[in-house]
Protein backbone atom coordinates (compact mmCIF):
# COMPACT_ATOMS: atom_id res chain seq x y z
CA MET A 1 94.03 83.30 93.16
CA LEU A 2 90.98 85.39 94.03
CA LYS A 3 90.14 85.91 90.37
CA GLU A 4 90.41 82.15 89.84
CA GLN A 5 87.83 81.77 92.64
CA ALA A 6 85.43 84.05 90.68
CA PHE A 7 85.99 87.14 92.82
CA GLU A 8 86.01 90.51 91.10
CA VAL A 9 89.27 92.18 92.16
CA MET A 10 90.20 95.85 92.10
CA THR A 11 93.61 97.03 93.30
CA ALA A 12 95.13 100.25 94.56
CA ALA A 13 98.84 100.91 95.01
CA THR A 14 98.40 103.16 98.06
CA ALA A 15 95.96 103.58 100.91
CA GLU A 16 94.86 106.97 99.53
CA ALA A 17 94.14 105.42 96.12
CA GLY A 18 92.21 102.66 97.90
CA ILE A 19 90.13 105.23 99.75
CA GLN A 20 89.25 106.99 96.49
CA LEU A 21 88.39 103.70 94.80
CA ALA A 22 86.18 102.60 97.71
CA ARG A 23 84.37 105.96 97.68
CA GLN A 24 83.65 105.66 93.96
CA GLN A 25 82.60 102.03 94.02
CA PRO A 26 82.00 100.58 97.50
CA PRO A 27 83.41 97.04 97.57
CA ASP A 28 82.09 93.93 99.30
CA LEU A 29 85.43 93.43 101.07
CA ILE A 30 88.73 95.29 101.50
CA LEU A 31 92.07 93.48 101.79
CA CYS A 32 94.56 95.97 103.19
CA CYS A 33 98.30 95.25 103.14
CA LEU A 34 100.35 96.73 106.01
CA ASP A 35 103.42 96.51 103.80
CA LEU A 36 102.18 99.73 102.20
CA GLY A 37 103.06 101.46 105.47
CA PRO A 38 101.32 101.03 108.81
CA GLY A 39 100.37 104.71 109.08
CA SER A 40 98.70 104.64 105.68
CA ASN A 41 96.53 101.70 106.65
CA LEU A 42 95.55 103.27 109.93
CA ARG A 43 94.44 106.31 107.92
CA LEU A 44 92.49 104.02 105.58
CA LEU A 45 90.69 102.41 108.50
CA GLU A 46 89.95 105.81 110.08
CA VAL A 47 88.46 107.12 106.82
CA LEU A 48 86.41 103.96 106.24
CA GLY A 49 84.99 104.34 109.74
CA THR A 50 83.62 107.79 108.90
CA LYS A 51 81.91 106.99 105.61
CA GLN A 52 78.33 105.77 106.04
CA ASN A 53 78.32 103.80 102.79
CA LEU A 54 81.56 102.02 103.78
CA LEU A 55 80.89 101.25 107.47
CA ALA A 56 79.58 97.76 106.76
CA VAL A 57 82.44 96.80 104.40
CA PRO A 58 84.57 94.11 106.08
CA VAL A 59 88.32 94.76 106.18
CA ILE A 60 91.03 92.09 106.38
CA VAL A 61 94.51 93.42 107.13
CA LEU A 62 97.44 91.52 105.63
CA THR A 63 100.76 91.97 107.40
CA HIS A 64 104.22 90.52 107.81
CA GLU A 65 105.62 89.31 111.12
CA GLN A 66 107.44 92.57 111.91
CA ALA A 67 104.21 94.59 111.73
CA ARG A 68 102.31 92.48 114.26
CA SER A 69 102.37 95.41 116.69
CA TYR A 70 99.88 97.22 114.45
CA TRP A 71 97.27 94.45 114.66
CA ARG A 72 95.65 95.78 117.81
CA GLN A 73 95.49 99.31 116.39
CA CYS A 74 93.93 98.00 113.17
CA MET A 75 91.38 95.92 115.05
CA ASN A 76 90.53 98.90 117.29
CA LEU A 77 89.92 101.00 114.17
CA GLY A 78 87.51 98.49 112.69
CA ALA A 79 89.50 95.79 110.90
CA ASP A 80 87.59 92.52 110.97
CA ASP A 81 90.56 90.15 110.71
CA CYS A 82 94.35 90.08 110.28
CA LEU A 83 96.48 87.53 108.44
CA VAL A 84 100.27 87.22 108.72
CA THR A 85 102.22 86.55 105.52
CA PRO A 86 102.95 84.08 104.27
CA PHE A 87 99.44 82.67 104.47
CA THR A 88 97.87 79.91 102.42
CA ASP A 89 95.11 80.32 99.89
CA GLY A 90 92.90 78.34 102.27
CA GLU A 91 93.59 80.73 105.16
CA LEU A 92 92.69 83.73 103.01
CA LEU A 93 89.52 82.08 101.71
CA ALA A 94 88.51 81.14 105.29
CA ALA A 95 89.03 84.74 106.45
CA ILE A 96 86.96 86.01 103.53
CA ALA A 97 84.19 83.50 104.27
CA SER A 98 84.02 84.51 107.91
């Protein structure tokens, strides 16, 4: 859906791979899925918060209902928004726009 909206999309299968990718080519936005493991995403947010060239990169955390308890931690570590799955294309686009 994002590619259809003319966004350039890069993906990483793990938080560590995402960290490496962001270090090599700082993105305009990071969508981070808690389904990869809450601890991994907390690590991702911690690392992003220490890298000067990545501090201004907005982060939207995507999660399922059972992982809601991690929202506050993610927001405290610098996430800009959180969306609960399932979400609509419109909800994702609105979060990206904000």
